[in-house]
Amino acid sequence: MAAQKINEAHEHMAKADKCLKTSFTKWKPDFDSAASEYAKAAVCFKNAKQFEQAKDAYLKEAEYHTENKTLFHAAKAIEQAGMMMKEQKKMPEAIQYIEKACMMYMENGTPDTAAMALDRAGKLIEPLNLDKAVDLYQKAAGVFENEDRLRQAAELLGKASRLLVRVRRLDDAAVALQKEKNMYKEIENYPMCFKKTTAQVLVHLHRADYVAADKCVRESYSLPGYSGSEDSVAMETLLQGYDEQDEDQVYRICNSPLLKYMDNDYAKLAISLRVPGGVSKKKVAAAAAAAAAGGASGAPAEEEDDYEGGLC
């Protein structure tokens, strides 16, 4: 089966070569037909699992589409070449081809296709290189933002923000979260703004920047419905506990369902939050009770000592 597909591929390539030849009656190469034959050859190689040869065929297809000024189809072929690299576990090369395809989509005037391709590339590279995935998601978000598609832009920024938290680039995460929150505010998705405020507070407190965390909450009171909401009450209580170095209060809020069931990266921030110089009132009370109990049990011992040997 594989050998048959490989033979078919070579037949299509031979036909493509004929399409490119000129003669007295044919003055120009037929780039459109050549591209079509190379596309068929690429599929045959792919079905035969000859991914390197399939990649080469897709690049030839892209070359002839470019000659024919059909940039969209050229970009599609280059993106497919990237997928052939992915099949060979050559992710950096795969991403390079997909990014090149995105540039051509933009040049062709189809930015939505470019943004979706960047999103796919981010998903491909995420298991191997989180920083590169962040870069791709942010680029995709930028494309959607330029097209005034703020919901899609915010969703992609959200992916980038979570990965920035995961790699502990907290300063960058704070910036990305603010931009994401502004987009949700612009499209009047206020419940998402509330969630982003909570994420901001956690990030800023892990940066040991109480002032920035408090500012995020104060600014959010301008959002309809935030004042008195479960989110605002929780953040006020968290900030109060952090400011007063009350470990118990901070622990209680950070382990509440509101924070524990956030996106996993933010939930981890919550349960790992510590108060610098914090004191657990429960531990202090327990220690005091233990000391008091020790003192009470020690009194009779002293009385026994007073009478020891005194009656003999």
C-alpha atoms as a PDB file:
ATOM      1  CA  MET A   1       0.000   0.000   0.000  1.00  0.00           C
ATOM      2  CA  ALA A   2       2.764   2.429   0.980  1.00  0.00           C
ATOM      3  CA  ALA A   3       4.797   1.588  -2.141  1.00  0.00           C
ATOM      4  CA  GLN A   4       1.734   2.190  -4.308  1.00  0.00           C
ATOM      5  CA  LYS A   5       1.162   5.619  -2.741  1.00  0.00           C
ATOM      6  CA  ILE A   6       4.802   6.548  -3.219  1.00  0.00           C
ATOM      7  CA  ASN A   7       4.589   5.582  -6.900  1.00  0.00           C
ATOM      8  CA  GLU A   8       1.434   7.686  -7.260  1.00  0.00           C
ATOM      9  CA  ALA A   9       3.249  10.624  -5.676  1.00  0.00           C
ATOM     10  CA  HIS A  10       6.086  10.381  -8.163  1.00  0.00           C
ATOM     11  CA  GLU A  11       3.583  10.228 -11.030  1.00  0.00           C
ATOM     12  CA  HIS A  12       1.967  13.471  -9.808  1.00  0.00           C
ATOM     13  CA  MET A  13       5.394  15.109  -9.546  1.00  0.00           C
ATOM     14  CA  ALA A  14       6.186  14.072 -13.113  1.00  0.00           C
ATOM     15  CA  LYS A  15       2.901  15.626 -14.268  1.00  0.00           C
ATOM     16  CA  ALA A  16       3.812  18.805 -12.374  1.00  0.00           C
ATOM     17  CA  ASP A  17       7.133  19.003 -14.212  1.00  0.00           C
ATOM     18  CA  LYS A  18       5.291  18.734 -17.545  1.00  0.00           C
ATOM     19  CA  CYS A  19       2.993  21.599 -16.488  1.00  0.00           C
ATOM     20  CA  LEU A  20       6.037  23.798 -15.961  1.00  0.00           C
ATOM     21  CA  LYS A  21       7.590  23.194 -19.390  1.00  0.00           C
ATOM     22  CA  THR A  22       7.127  25.775 -22.140  1.00  0.00           C
ATOM     23  CA  SER A  23       7.060  25.383 -25.904  1.00  0.00           C
ATOM     24  CA  PHE A  24       6.284  27.344 -29.088  1.00  0.00           C
ATOM     25  CA  THR A  25       2.567  26.925 -28.376  1.00  0.00           C
ATOM     26  CA  LYS A  26       2.803  27.270 -24.586  1.00  0.00           C
ATOM     27  CA  TRP A  27       4.717  30.366 -23.585  1.00  0.00           C
ATOM     28  CA  LYS A  28       4.083  30.374 -19.843  1.00  0.00           C
ATOM     29  CA  PRO A  29       4.432  27.632 -17.238  1.00  0.00           C
ATOM     30  CA  ASP A  30       1.116  26.404 -15.823  1.00  0.00           C
ATOM     31  CA  PHE A  31       1.829  27.147 -12.166  1.00  0.00           C
ATOM     32  CA  ASP A  32      -1.742  26.457 -11.071  1.00  0.00           C
ATOM     33  CA  SER A  33      -1.753  22.907 -12.428  1.00  0.00           C
ATOM     34  CA  ALA A  34       1.776  22.261 -11.122  1.00  0.00           C
ATOM     35  CA  ALA A  35       0.715  23.348  -7.638  1.00  0.00           C
ATOM     36  CA  SER A  36      -2.311  21.043  -7.846  1.00  0.00           C
ATOM     37  CA  GLU A  37      -0.157  18.054  -8.829  1.00  0.00           C
ATOM     38  CA  TYR A  38       2.317  18.712  -6.006  1.00  0.00           C
ATOM     39  CA  ALA A  39      -0.600  18.931  -3.563  1.00  0.00           C
ATOM     40  CA  LYS A  40      -1.743  15.479  -4.698  1.00  0.00           C
ATOM     41  CA  ALA A  41       1.817  14.169  -4.421  1.00  0.00           C
ATOM     42  CA  ALA A  42       2.074  15.525  -0.868  1.00  0.00           C
ATOM     43  CA  VAL A  43      -1.106  13.716   0.172  1.00  0.00           C
ATOM     44  CA  CYS A  44       0.214  10.459  -1.298  1.00  0.00           C
ATOM     45  CA  PHE A  45       3.506  10.810   0.577  1.00  0.00           C
ATOM     46  CA  LYS A  46       1.614  11.635   3.763  1.00  0.00           C
ATOM     47  CA  ASN A  47      -0.585   8.558   3.424  1.00  0.00           C
ATOM     48  CA  ALA A  48       2.564   6.479   2.933  1.00  0.00           C
ATOM     49  CA  LYS A  49       3.991   8.111   6.099  1.00  0.00           C
ATOM     50  CA  GLN A  50       6.879   9.595   4.111  1.00  0.00           C
ATOM     51  CA  PHE A  51       6.596  12.865   5.981  1.00  0.00           C
ATOM     52  CA  GLU A  52       9.878  14.457   4.878  1.00  0.00           C
ATOM     53  CA  GLN A  53       8.983  13.950   1.201  1.00  0.00           C
ATOM     54  CA  ALA A  54       5.446  15.170   1.905  1.00  0.00           C
ATOM     55  CA  LYS A  55       6.905  18.330   3.432  1.00  0.00           C
ATOM     56  CA  ASP A  56       9.043  18.941   0.337  1.00  0.00           C
ATOM     57  CA  ALA A  57       6.013  18.447  -1.913  1.00  0.00           C
ATOM     58  CA  TYR A  58       3.935  20.916   0.121  1.00  0.00           C
ATOM     59  CA  LEU A  59       6.739  23.476  -0.134  1.00  0.00           C
ATOM     60  CA  LYS A  60       6.825  22.998  -3.913  1.00  0.00           C
ATOM     61  CA  GLU A  61       3.055  23.473  -3.986  1.00  0.00           C
ATOM     62  CA  ALA A  62       3.494  26.701  -1.993  1.00  0.00           C
ATOM     63  CA  GLU A  63       6.222  27.908  -4.366  1.00  0.00           C
ATOM     64  CA  TYR A  64       3.981  27.555  -7.428  1.00  0.00           C
ATOM     65  CA  HIS A  65       0.949  29.078  -5.705  1.00  0.00           C
ATOM     66  CA  THR A  66       3.180  32.054  -4.878  1.00  0.00           C
ATOM     67  CA  GLU A  67       4.272  32.288  -8.520  1.00  0.00           C
ATOM     68  CA  ASN A  68       0.582  32.260  -9.409  1.00  0.00           C
ATOM     69  CA  LYS A  69      -0.125  35.074  -6.870  1.00  0.00           C
ATOM     70  CA  THR A  70      -2.506  32.867  -4.842  1.00  0.00           C
ATOM     71  CA  LEU A  71      -1.014  33.619  -1.435  1.00  0.00           C
ATOM     72  CA  PHE A  72      -3.791  32.071   0.629  1.00  0.00           C
ATOM     73  CA  HIS A  73      -3.254  28.648  -0.943  1.00  0.00           C
ATOM     74  CA  ALA A  74       0.518  29.076  -0.654  1.00  0.00           C
ATOM     75  CA  ALA A  75       0.153  29.781   3.057  1.00  0.00           C
ATOM     76  CA  LYS A  76      -2.082  26.718   3.499  1.00  0.00           C
ATOM     77  CA  ALA A  77       0.575  24.543   1.848  1.00  0.00           C
ATOM     78  CA  ILE A  78       3.341  25.964   4.050  1.00  0.00           C
ATOM     79  CA  GLU A  79       1.194  25.337   7.125  1.00  0.00           C
ATOM     80  CA  GLN A  80       0.794  21.724   5.983  1.00  0.00           C
ATOM     81  CA  ALA A  81       4.581  21.485   5.590  1.00  0.00           C
ATOM     82  CA  GLY A  82       4.777  22.511   9.237  1.00  0.00           C
ATOM     83  CA  MET A  83       2.396  19.718  10.183  1.00  0.00           C
ATOM     84  CA  MET A  84       4.683  17.240   8.412  1.00  0.00           C
ATOM     85  CA  MET A  85       7.506  18.471  10.663  1.00  0.00           C
ATOM     86  CA  LYS A  86       5.233  17.916  13.642  1.00  0.00           C
ATOM     87  CA  GLU A  87       4.709  14.303  12.529  1.00  0.00           C
ATOM     88  CA  GLN A  88       8.496  13.903  12.678  1.00  0.00           C
ATOM     89  CA  LYS A  89       8.598  15.415  16.189  1.00  0.00           C
ATOM     90  CA  LYS A  90      10.543  18.408  14.837  1.00  0.00           C
ATOM     91  CA  MET A  91       8.514  21.018  16.682  1.00  0.00           C
ATOM     92  CA  PRO A  92      10.767  24.094  16.324  1.00  0.00           C
ATOM     93  CA  GLU A  93      10.824  23.622  12.540  1.00  0.00           C
ATOM     94  CA  ALA A  94       7.070  23.024  12.515  1.00  0.00           C
ATOM     95  CA  ILE A  95       6.454  26.299  14.343  1.00  0.00           C
ATOM     96  CA  GLN A  96       8.753  28.184  11.949  1.00  0.00           C
ATOM     97  CA  TYR A  97       6.697  27.031   8.955  1.00  0.00           C
ATOM     98  CA  ILE A  98       3.405  27.871  10.658  1.00  0.00           C
ATOM     99  CA  GLU A  99       4.647  31.354  11.580  1.00  0.00           C
ATOM    100  CA  LYS A 100       5.741  31.888   7.973  1.00  0.00           C
ATOM    101  CA  ALA A 101       2.269  30.801   6.820  1.00  0.00           C
ATOM    102  CA  CYS A 102       0.711  33.309   9.235  1.00  0.00           C
ATOM    103  CA  MET A 103       2.731  36.129   7.710  1.00  0.00           C
ATOM    104  CA  MET A 104       1.374  35.154   4.303  1.00  0.00           C
ATOM    105  CA  TYR A 105      -2.205  34.988   5.616  1.00  0.00           C
ATOM    106  CA  MET A 106      -1.768  38.531   6.912  1.00  0.00           C
ATOM    107  CA  GLU A 107      -0.302  39.667   3.597  1.00  0.00           C
ATOM    108  CA  ASN A 108      -3.243  38.057   1.838  1.00  0.00           C
ATOM    109  CA  GLY A 109      -5.724  40.002   3.998  1.00  0.00           C
ATOM    110  CA  THR A 110      -7.032  37.008   6.002  1.00  0.00           C
ATOM    111  CA  PRO A 111      -5.928  37.861   9.575  1.00  0.00           C
ATOM    112  CA  ASP A 112      -8.503  35.582  11.231  1.00  0.00           C
ATOM    113  CA  THR A 113      -6.904  32.568   9.563  1.00  0.00           C
ATOM    114  CA  ALA A 114      -3.491  33.818  10.710  1.00  0.00           C
ATOM    115  CA  ALA A 115      -4.647  34.158  14.319  1.00  0.00           C
ATOM    116  CA  MET A 116      -6.203  30.681  14.354  1.00  0.00           C
ATOM    117  CA  ALA A 117      -2.998  29.197  12.936  1.00  0.00           C
ATOM    118  CA  LEU A 118      -0.946  30.936  15.645  1.00  0.00           C
ATOM    119  CA  ASP A 119      -3.312  29.516  18.260  1.00  0.00           C
ATOM    120  CA  ARG A 120      -2.826  26.013  16.841  1.00  0.00           C
ATOM    121  CA  ALA A 121       0.940  26.525  16.848  1.00  0.00           C
ATOM    122  CA  GLY A 122       0.780  27.575  20.499  1.00  0.00           C
ATOM    123  CA  LYS A 123      -1.043  24.371  21.410  1.00  0.00           C
ATOM    124  CA  LEU A 124       1.561  22.313  19.526  1.00  0.00           C
ATOM    125  CA  ILE A 125       4.574  23.844  21.248  1.00  0.00           C
ATOM    126  CA  GLU A 126       3.030  24.259  24.721  1.00  0.00           C
ATOM    127  CA  PRO A 127       4.106  20.825  26.034  1.00  0.00           C
ATOM    128  CA  LEU A 128       7.712  21.555  25.001  1.00  0.00           C
ATOM    129  CA  ASN A 129       8.303  25.294  25.317  1.00  0.00           C
ATOM    130  CA  LEU A 130       5.962  27.388  27.458  1.00  0.00           C
ATOM    131  CA  ASP A 131       7.711  30.678  26.696  1.00  0.00           C
ATOM    132  CA  LYS A 132       7.301  30.154  22.940  1.00  0.00           C
ATOM    133  CA  ALA A 133       3.653  29.211  23.468  1.00  0.00           C
ATOM    134  CA  VAL A 134       3.130  32.483  25.365  1.00  0.00           C
ATOM    135  CA  ASP A 135       4.666  34.401  22.457  1.00  0.00           C
ATOM    136  CA  LEU A 136       2.386  32.682  19.916  1.00  0.00           C
ATOM    137  CA  TYR A 137      -0.786  33.192  21.982  1.00  0.00           C
ATOM    138  CA  GLN A 138       0.059  36.866  22.477  1.00  0.00           C
ATOM    139  CA  LYS A 139       0.685  37.318  18.739  1.00  0.00           C
ATOM    140  CA  ALA A 140      -2.647  35.658  17.972  1.00  0.00           C
ATOM    141  CA  ALA A 141      -4.369  37.892  20.519  1.00  0.00           C
ATOM    142  CA  GLY A 142      -2.785  40.939  18.902  1.00  0.00           C
ATOM    143  CA  VAL A 143      -4.136  39.954  15.488  1.00  0.00           C
ATOM    144  CA  PHE A 144      -7.670  39.524  16.856  1.00  0.00           C
ATOM    145  CA  GLU A 145      -7.391  42.809  18.771  1.00  0.00           C
ATOM    146  CA  ASN A 146      -6.452  44.659  15.588  1.00  0.00           C
ATOM    147  CA  GLU A 147      -9.608  43.225  14.014  1.00  0.00           C
ATOM    148  CA  ASP A 148     -11.710  44.412  17.006  1.00  0.00           C
ATOM    149  CA  ARG A 149     -12.511  40.834  17.924  1.00  0.00           C
ATOM    150  CA  LEU A 150     -11.921  41.416  21.601  1.00  0.00           C
ATOM    151  CA  ARG A 151     -13.576  38.270  22.958  1.00  0.00           C
ATOM    152  CA  GLN A 152     -11.214  36.032  20.976  1.00  0.00           C
ATOM    153  CA  ALA A 153      -8.280  38.297  21.846  1.00  0.00           C
ATOM    154  CA  ALA A 154      -9.090  38.120  25.570  1.00  0.00           C
ATOM    155  CA  GLU A 155      -9.407  34.320  25.482  1.00  0.00           C
ATOM    156  CA  LEU A 156      -5.954  33.993  23.893  1.00  0.00           C
ATOM    157  CA  LEU A 157      -4.453  36.491  26.331  1.00  0.00           C
ATOM    158  CA  GLY A 158      -5.964  34.352  29.076  1.00  0.00           C
ATOM    159  CA  LYS A 159      -3.976  31.361  27.811  1.00  0.00           C
ATOM    160  CA  ALA A 160      -0.822  33.479  27.818  1.00  0.00           C
ATOM    161  CA  SER A 161      -1.504  34.819  31.333  1.00  0.00           C
ATOM    162  CA  ARG A 162      -1.915  31.335  32.799  1.00  0.00           C
ATOM    163  CA  LEU A 163       1.319  30.125  31.211  1.00  0.00           C
ATOM    164  CA  LEU A 164       3.182  33.207  32.463  1.00  0.00           C
ATOM    165  CA  VAL A 165       2.039  32.311  35.983  1.00  0.00           C
ATOM    166  CA  ARG A 166       3.155  28.716  35.434  1.00  0.00           C
ATOM    167  CA  VAL A 167       6.688  29.775  34.466  1.00  0.00           C
ATOM    168  CA  ARG A 168       6.723  32.328  37.338  1.00  0.00           C
ATOM    169  CA  ARG A 169       7.027  35.346  35.047  1.00  0.00           C
ATOM    170  CA  LEU A 170       4.736  37.167  37.458  1.00  0.00           C
ATOM    171  CA  ASP A 171       5.552  40.735  36.363  1.00  0.00           C
ATOM    172  CA  ASP A 172       4.573  39.827  32.788  1.00  0.00           C
ATOM    173  CA  ALA A 173       1.517  37.946  34.055  1.00  0.00           C
ATOM    174  CA  ALA A 174       0.332  41.060  35.921  1.00  0.00           C
ATOM    175  CA  VAL A 175       0.572  43.132  32.723  1.00  0.00           C
ATOM    176  CA  ALA A 176      -1.210  40.475  30.633  1.00  0.00           C
ATOM    177  CA  LEU A 177      -4.009  40.108  33.199  1.00  0.00           C
ATOM    178  CA  GLN A 178      -4.629  43.862  33.237  1.00  0.00           C
ATOM    179  CA  LYS A 179      -4.888  43.944  29.447  1.00  0.00           C
ATOM    180  CA  GLU A 180      -7.173  40.900  29.475  1.00  0.00           C
ATOM    181  CA  LYS A 181      -9.393  42.514  32.132  1.00  0.00           C
ATOM    182  CA  ASN A 182      -9.612  45.755  30.121  1.00  0.00           C
ATOM    183  CA  MET A 183     -10.838  43.796  27.093  1.00  0.00           C
ATOM    184  CA  TYR A 184     -13.544  42.041  29.092  1.00  0.00           C
ATOM    185  CA  LYS A 185     -14.570  45.419  30.508  1.00  0.00           C
ATOM    186  CA  GLU A 186     -14.821  46.860  26.990  1.00  0.00           C
ATOM    187  CA  ILE A 187     -17.154  44.064  25.868  1.00  0.00           C
ATOM    188  CA  GLU A 188     -19.064  44.386  29.182  1.00  0.00           C
ATOM    189  CA  ASN A 189     -18.341  40.852  30.390  1.00  0.00           C
ATOM    190  CA  TYR A 190     -18.201  41.952  34.017  1.00  0.00           C
ATOM    191  CA  PRO A 191     -18.233  38.496  35.700  1.00  0.00           C
ATOM    192  CA  MET A 192     -14.982  37.727  33.854  1.00  0.00           C
ATOM    193  CA  CYS A 193     -13.586  41.044  35.087  1.00  0.00           C
ATOM    194  CA  PHE A 194     -14.315  39.913  38.651  1.00  0.00           C
ATOM    195  CA  LYS A 195     -12.374  36.679  38.080  1.00  0.00           C
ATOM    196  CA  LYS A 196      -9.464  38.567  36.556  1.00  0.00           C
ATOM    197  CA  THR A 197      -9.367  40.894  39.586  1.00  0.00           C
ATOM    198  CA  THR A 198      -9.033  37.868  41.860  1.00  0.00           C
ATOM    199  CA  ALA A 199      -6.236  36.496  39.665  1.00  0.00           C
ATOM    200  CA  GLN A 200      -4.511  39.899  39.747  1.00  0.00           C
ATOM    201  CA  VAL A 201      -4.631  40.016  43.551  1.00  0.00           C
ATOM    202  CA  LEU A 202      -3.035  36.576  43.807  1.00  0.00           C
ATOM    203  CA  VAL A 203      -0.297  37.474  41.327  1.00  0.00           C
ATOM    204  CA  HIS A 204       0.487  40.791  43.043  1.00  0.00           C
ATOM    205  CA  LEU A 205       0.601  39.219  46.507  1.00  0.00           C
ATOM    206  CA  HIS A 206       3.025  36.581  45.222  1.00  0.00           C
ATOM    207  CA  ARG A 207       5.070  39.513  43.925  1.00  0.00           C
ATOM    208  CA  ALA A 208       4.891  40.890  47.503  1.00  0.00           C
ATOM    209  CA  ASP A 209       3.169  44.008  46.122  1.00  0.00           C
ATOM    210  CA  TYR A 210       0.252  44.609  48.490  1.00  0.00           C
ATOM    211  CA  VAL A 211      -0.308  48.132  47.147  1.00  0.00           C
ATOM    212  CA  ALA A 212      -0.841  46.901  43.567  1.00  0.00           C
ATOM    213  CA  ALA A 213      -3.186  44.142  44.788  1.00  0.00           C
ATOM    214  CA  ASP A 214      -5.245  46.631  46.794  1.00  0.00           C
ATOM    215  CA  LYS A 215      -5.358  49.039  43.830  1.00  0.00           C
ATOM    216  CA  CYS A 216      -6.822  46.313  41.573  1.00  0.00           C
ATOM    217  CA  VAL A 217      -9.676  45.754  44.015  1.00  0.00           C
ATOM    218  CA  ARG A 218     -10.322  49.508  44.482  1.00  0.00           C
ATOM    219  CA  GLU A 219     -10.470  50.028  40.704  1.00  0.00           C
ATOM    220  CA  SER A 220     -12.873  47.105  40.304  1.00  0.00           C
ATOM    221  CA  TYR A 221     -15.502  48.851  42.442  1.00  0.00           C
ATOM    222  CA  SER A 222     -16.291  50.905  39.344  1.00  0.00           C
ATOM    223  CA  LEU A 223     -17.485  47.695  37.637  1.00  0.00           C
ATOM    224  CA  PRO A 224     -21.261  47.149  37.802  1.00  0.00           C
ATOM    225  CA  GLY A 225     -22.103  44.471  40.381  1.00  0.00           C
ATOM    226  CA  TYR A 226     -18.637  44.139  41.912  1.00  0.00           C
ATOM    227  CA  SER A 227     -19.358  45.907  45.193  1.00  0.00           C
ATOM    228  CA  GLY A 228     -20.815  43.413  47.652  1.00  0.00           C
ATOM    229  CA  SER A 229     -20.215  40.454  45.331  1.00  0.00           C
ATOM    230  CA  GLU A 230     -18.710  37.195  46.577  1.00  0.00           C
ATOM    231  CA  ASP A 231     -15.501  38.089  44.736  1.00  0.00           C
ATOM    232  CA  SER A 232     -15.136  41.533  46.314  1.00  0.00           C
ATOM    233  CA  VAL A 233     -15.893  40.294  49.851  1.00  0.00           C
ATOM    234  CA  ALA A 234     -13.329  37.502  49.470  1.00  0.00           C
ATOM    235  CA  MET A 235     -10.632  39.866  48.176  1.00  0.00           C
ATOM    236  CA  GLU A 236     -11.285  42.445  50.918  1.00  0.00           C
ATOM    237  CA  THR A 237     -11.015  39.701  53.529  1.00  0.00           C
ATOM    238  CA  LEU A 238      -7.860  38.291  51.923  1.00  0.00           C
ATOM    239  CA  LEU A 239      -6.175  41.703  51.764  1.00  0.00           C
ATOM    240  CA  GLN A 240      -7.151  42.482  55.351  1.00  0.00           C
ATOM    241  CA  GLY A 241      -5.700  39.174  56.549  1.00  0.00           C
ATOM    242  CA  TYR A 242      -2.517  39.736  54.529  1.00  0.00           C
ATOM    243  CA  ASP A 243      -2.126  43.287  55.844  1.00  0.00           C
ATOM    244  CA  GLU A 244      -2.689  42.202  59.458  1.00  0.00           C
ATOM    245  CA  GLN A 245      -0.385  39.174  59.002  1.00  0.00           C
ATOM    246  CA  ASP A 246      -3.214  36.857  59.954  1.00  0.00           C
ATOM    247  CA  GLU A 247      -2.268  33.489  58.471  1.00  0.00           C
ATOM    248  CA  ASP A 248      -5.548  31.833  59.464  1.00  0.00           C
ATOM    249  CA  GLN A 249      -7.680  34.386  57.618  1.00  0.00           C
ATOM    250  CA  VAL A 250      -5.510  34.201  54.511  1.00  0.00           C
ATOM    251  CA  TYR A 251      -5.548  30.386  54.596  1.00  0.00           C
ATOM    252  CA  ARG A 252      -9.335  30.309  54.961  1.00  0.00           C
ATOM    253  CA  ILE A 253      -9.917  32.533  51.905  1.00  0.00           C
ATOM    254  CA  CYS A 254      -7.237  30.869  49.763  1.00  0.00           C
ATOM    255  CA  ASN A 255      -8.745  27.450  50.429  1.00  0.00           C
ATOM    256  CA  SER A 256     -12.328  28.569  49.859  1.00  0.00           C
ATOM    257  CA  PRO A 257     -14.218  27.107  46.849  1.00  0.00           C
ATOM    258  CA  LEU A 258     -14.098  30.500  45.095  1.00  0.00           C
ATOM    259  CA  LEU A 259     -10.305  30.298  44.797  1.00  0.00           C
ATOM    260  CA  LYS A 260      -9.734  26.537  44.842  1.00  0.00           C
ATOM    261  CA  TYR A 261     -11.867  26.069  41.723  1.00  0.00           C
ATOM    262  CA  MET A 262     -10.226  28.785  39.630  1.00  0.00           C
ATOM    263  CA  ASP A 263      -8.083  27.807  36.648  1.00  0.00           C
ATOM    264  CA  ASN A 264      -5.456  25.425  37.944  1.00  0.00           C
ATOM    265  CA  ASP A 265      -2.516  27.838  37.698  1.00  0.00           C
ATOM    266  CA  TYR A 266      -4.328  30.476  39.790  1.00  0.00           C
ATOM    267  CA  ALA A 267      -5.621  27.877  42.266  1.00  0.00           C
ATOM    268  CA  LYS A 268      -2.013  26.838  42.866  1.00  0.00           C
ATOM    269  CA  LEU A 269      -1.118  30.475  43.563  1.00  0.00           C
ATOM    270  CA  ALA A 270      -3.927  30.627  46.104  1.00  0.00           C
ATOM    271  CA  ILE A 271      -3.022  27.521  48.089  1.00  0.00           C
ATOM    272  CA  SER A 272       0.697  28.391  48.082  1.00  0.00           C
ATOM    273  CA  LEU A 273       0.237  31.997  49.264  1.00  0.00           C
ATOM    274  CA  ARG A 274       2.131  32.765  52.480  1.00  0.00           C
ATOM    275  CA  VAL A 275       2.055  35.890  54.654  1.00  0.00           C
ATOM    276  CA  PRO A 276       5.537  37.356  55.276  1.00  0.00           C
ATOM    277  CA  GLY A 277       6.017  37.387  59.055  1.00  0.00           C
ATOM    278  CA  GLY A 278       2.494  36.057  59.472  1.00  0.00           C
ATOM    279  CA  VAL A 279       1.174  34.580  62.694  1.00  0.00           C
ATOM    280  CA  SER A 280      -1.449  31.869  63.122  1.00  0.00           C
ATOM    281  CA  LYS A 281      -3.819  32.951  65.867  1.00  0.00           C
ATOM    282  CA  LYS A 282      -4.934  29.344  66.277  1.00  0.00           C
ATOM    283  CA  LYS A 283      -1.349  28.226  66.892  1.00  0.00           C
ATOM    284  CA  VAL A 284      -0.759  31.094  69.327  1.00  0.00           C
ATOM    285  CA  ALA A 285      -3.945  30.244  71.220  1.00  0.00           C
ATOM    286  CA  ALA A 286      -3.031  26.557  71.281  1.00  0.00           C
ATOM    287  CA  ALA A 287       0.457  27.355  72.555  1.00  0.00           C
ATOM    288  CA  ALA A 288      -0.974  29.618  75.255  1.00  0.00           C
ATOM    289  CA  ALA A 289      -3.432  26.919  76.305  1.00  0.00           C
ATOM    290  CA  ALA A 290      -0.646  24.351  76.455  1.00  0.00           C
ATOM    291  CA  ALA A 291       1.486  26.695  78.563  1.00  0.00           C
ATOM    292  CA  ALA A 292      -1.415  27.346  80.923  1.00  0.00           C
ATOM    293  CA  ALA A 293      -2.086  23.622  81.239  1.00  0.00           C
ATOM    294  CA  GLY A 294       1.582  23.020  81.963  1.00  0.00           C
ATOM    295  CA  GLY A 295       1.576  25.678  84.665  1.00  0.00           C
ATOM    296  CA  ALA A 296      -1.507  24.222  86.325  1.00  0.00           C
ATOM    297  CA  SER A 297      -0.071  20.706  86.435  1.00  0.00           C
ATOM    298  CA  GLY A 298       3.214  22.040  87.800  1.00  0.00           C
ATOM    299  CA  ALA A 299       1.687  23.672  90.953  1.00  0.00           C
ATOM    300  CA  PRO A 300       0.908  20.458  92.880  1.00  0.00           C
ATOM    301  CA  ALA A 301       4.391  19.181  92.180  1.00  0.00           C
ATOM    302  CA  GLU A 302       5.821  22.237  93.901  1.00  0.00           C
ATOM    303  CA  GLU A 303       3.558  21.634  96.956  1.00  0.00           C
ATOM    304  CA  GLU A 304       4.786  18.056  97.213  1.00  0.00           C
ATOM    305  CA  ASP A 305       8.339  19.358  97.160  1.00  0.00           C
ATOM    306  CA  ASP A 306       7.550  21.638 100.138  1.00  0.00           C
ATOM    307  CA  TYR A 307       6.610  18.671 102.303  1.00  0.00           C
ATOM    308  CA  GLU A 308       9.250  16.312 101.046  1.00  0.00           C
ATOM    309  CA  GLY A 309      10.932  14.747 104.128  1.00  0.00           C
ATOM    310  CA  GLY A 310       9.431  17.409 106.435  1.00  0.00           C
ATOM    311  CA  LEU A 311       7.512  15.046 108.770  1.00  0.00           C
ATOM    312  CA  CYS A 312      10.328  12.643 109.541  1.00  0.00           C
END
